[in-house]
Amino acid sequence: PTVRTISFRGFLTVAQFSEESRIALEAKGHMLQQESCLLTFITDRRAAKVRHLQQPHTQFVECCWWLDEAAVQFRIAGRVVVATAD
């Protein structure tokens, strides 16, 4: 499947980056709560879509938004990183 339902949770903040990245960004004047351009989504880790995203050939993904009010669809392609609480 090429389209799956997930929940958009916002953009990563500098505070959520690795310590090394955070230090480098703070040195350039970025504040910890400043948003980045990295989109974050959540879904149930038990879902088949998570296993599909973790397959070696699945390096790039595309997200699709439909805005009812404007009747506009947006598609954004990028690299996927699956992060868990574990």
C-alpha atoms as a PDB file:
ATOM      1  CA  PRO A   1       0.000   0.000   0.000  1.00  0.00           C
ATOM      2  CA  THR A   2       1.229   3.465  -0.798  1.00  0.00           C
ATOM      3  CA  VAL A   3      -1.129   5.514   1.378  1.00  0.00           C
ATOM      4  CA  ARG A   4      -1.722   4.904   5.076  1.00  0.00           C
ATOM      5  CA  THR A   5      -3.503   6.836   7.816  1.00  0.00           C
ATOM      6  CA  ILE A   6      -1.319   8.312  10.562  1.00  0.00           C
ATOM      7  CA  SER A   7      -1.584  11.311  12.886  1.00  0.00           C
ATOM      8  CA  PHE A   8       0.504  14.439  12.369  1.00  0.00           C
ATOM      9  CA  ARG A   9       1.937  15.659  15.680  1.00  0.00           C
ATOM     10  CA  GLY A  10       3.840  18.746  14.618  1.00  0.00           C
ATOM     11  CA  PHE A  11       7.476  19.525  13.986  1.00  0.00           C
ATOM     12  CA  LEU A  12      10.431  18.331  16.046  1.00  0.00           C
ATOM     13  CA  THR A  13      11.941  20.976  18.274  1.00  0.00           C
ATOM     14  CA  VAL A  14      15.664  21.418  18.809  1.00  0.00           C
ATOM     15  CA  ALA A  15      15.158  20.017  22.340  1.00  0.00           C
ATOM     16  CA  GLN A  16      14.161  16.658  20.801  1.00  0.00           C
ATOM     17  CA  PHE A  17      17.352  16.294  18.742  1.00  0.00           C
ATOM     18  CA  SER A  18      20.382  14.263  19.773  1.00  0.00           C
ATOM     19  CA  GLU A  19      22.711  15.967  22.245  1.00  0.00           C
ATOM     20  CA  GLU A  20      25.367  16.482  19.577  1.00  0.00           C
ATOM     21  CA  SER A  21      22.903  18.121  17.166  1.00  0.00           C
ATOM     22  CA  ARG A  22      21.351  20.195  19.949  1.00  0.00           C
ATOM     23  CA  ILE A  23      24.735  21.609  21.007  1.00  0.00           C
ATOM     24  CA  ALA A  24      25.623  22.494  17.414  1.00  0.00           C
ATOM     25  CA  LEU A  25      22.274  24.215  16.826  1.00  0.00           C
ATOM     26  CA  GLU A  26      22.376  26.102  20.135  1.00  0.00           C
ATOM     27  CA  ALA A  27      25.832  27.390  19.180  1.00  0.00           C
ATOM     28  CA  LYS A  28      24.232  28.842  16.029  1.00  0.00           C
ATOM     29  CA  GLY A  29      21.591  30.622  18.100  1.00  0.00           C
ATOM     30  CA  HIS A  30      18.693  28.178  17.821  1.00  0.00           C
ATOM     31  CA  MET A  31      16.489  28.027  20.913  1.00  0.00           C
ATOM     32  CA  LEU A  32      15.523  24.650  22.397  1.00  0.00           C
ATOM     33  CA  GLN A  33      11.799  25.105  21.732  1.00  0.00           C
ATOM     34  CA  GLN A  34      12.299  26.389  18.184  1.00  0.00           C
ATOM     35  CA  GLU A  35      10.602  24.106  15.651  1.00  0.00           C
ATOM     36  CA  SER A  36      12.604  22.411  12.926  1.00  0.00           C
ATOM     37  CA  CYS A  37      11.474  21.440   9.433  1.00  0.00           C
ATOM     38  CA  LEU A  38      11.180  17.762  10.482  1.00  0.00           C
ATOM     39  CA  LEU A  39       7.593  16.495  10.473  1.00  0.00           C
ATOM     40  CA  THR A  40       6.517  14.030  13.162  1.00  0.00           C
ATOM     41  CA  PHE A  41       3.711  11.506  12.973  1.00  0.00           C
ATOM     42  CA  ILE A  42       2.417   8.813  15.293  1.00  0.00           C
ATOM     43  CA  THR A  43       0.719   5.484  14.781  1.00  0.00           C
ATOM     44  CA  ASP A  44       0.262   2.223  16.654  1.00  0.00           C
ATOM     45  CA  ARG A  45       3.545   0.301  16.551  1.00  0.00           C
ATOM     46  CA  ARG A  46       1.622  -2.975  16.207  1.00  0.00           C
ATOM     47  CA  ALA A  47       0.248  -1.887  12.825  1.00  0.00           C
ATOM     48  CA  ALA A  48       1.504  -3.549   9.647  1.00  0.00           C
ATOM     49  CA  LYS A  49       2.466  -0.136   8.267  1.00  0.00           C
ATOM     50  CA  VAL A  50       5.238   0.131  10.866  1.00  0.00           C
ATOM     51  CA  ARG A  51       6.737  -3.182   9.735  1.00  0.00           C
ATOM     52  CA  HIS A  52       6.504  -1.988   6.124  1.00  0.00           C
ATOM     53  CA  LEU A  53       8.374   1.219   6.998  1.00  0.00           C
ATOM     54  CA  GLN A  54      11.151  -0.776   8.675  1.00  0.00           C
ATOM     55  CA  GLN A  55      11.896  -2.859   5.565  1.00  0.00           C
ATOM     56  CA  PRO A  56      15.300  -2.086   4.003  1.00  0.00           C
ATOM     57  CA  HIS A  57      13.865  -1.020   0.631  1.00  0.00           C
ATOM     58  CA  THR A  58      11.546   1.539   2.263  1.00  0.00           C
ATOM     59  CA  GLN A  59      13.827   4.537   2.576  1.00  0.00           C
ATOM     60  CA  PHE A  60      11.555   7.218   1.194  1.00  0.00           C
ATOM     61  CA  VAL A  61       7.929   7.962   1.931  1.00  0.00           C
ATOM     62  CA  GLU A  62       5.329  10.464   0.857  1.00  0.00           C
ATOM     63  CA  CYS A  63       2.681  12.080   3.010  1.00  0.00           C
ATOM     64  CA  CYS A  64      -0.530  13.487   1.649  1.00  0.00           C
ATOM     65  CA  TRP A  65      -2.775  16.131   3.223  1.00  0.00           C
ATOM     66  CA  TRP A  66      -6.227  17.042   2.043  1.00  0.00           C
ATOM     67  CA  LEU A  67      -7.534  20.433   3.156  1.00  0.00           C
ATOM     68  CA  ASP A  68     -11.327  20.435   2.865  1.00  0.00           C
ATOM     69  CA  GLU A  69     -11.807  24.180   3.186  1.00  0.00           C
ATOM     70  CA  ALA A  70      -9.463  24.958   0.292  1.00  0.00           C
ATOM     71  CA  ALA A  71     -10.102  21.726  -1.662  1.00  0.00           C
ATOM     72  CA  VAL A  72      -6.329  21.338  -1.988  1.00  0.00           C
ATOM     73  CA  GLN A  73      -4.086  18.310  -1.692  1.00  0.00           C
ATOM     74  CA  PHE A  74      -0.454  18.578  -0.572  1.00  0.00           C
ATOM     75  CA  ARG A  75       2.132  15.839  -1.060  1.00  0.00           C
ATOM     76  CA  ILE A  76       5.508  15.900   0.658  1.00  0.00           C
ATOM     77  CA  ALA A  77       8.182  13.274   0.012  1.00  0.00           C
ATOM     78  CA  GLY A  78      11.087  12.485   2.301  1.00  0.00           C
ATOM     79  CA  ARG A  79      13.123   9.941   4.190  1.00  0.00           C
ATOM     80  CA  VAL A  80      11.510   7.955   6.987  1.00  0.00           C
ATOM     81  CA  VAL A  81      12.950   7.353  10.450  1.00  0.00           C
ATOM     82  CA  VAL A  82      10.966   5.064  12.744  1.00  0.00           C
ATOM     83  CA  ALA A  83      11.454   6.058  16.368  1.00  0.00           C
ATOM     84  CA  THR A  84       9.966   4.213  19.323  1.00  0.00           C
ATOM     85  CA  ALA A  85       9.777   4.842  23.033  1.00  0.00           C
ATOM     86  CA  ASP A  86      11.944   1.754  23.603  1.00  0.00           C
END
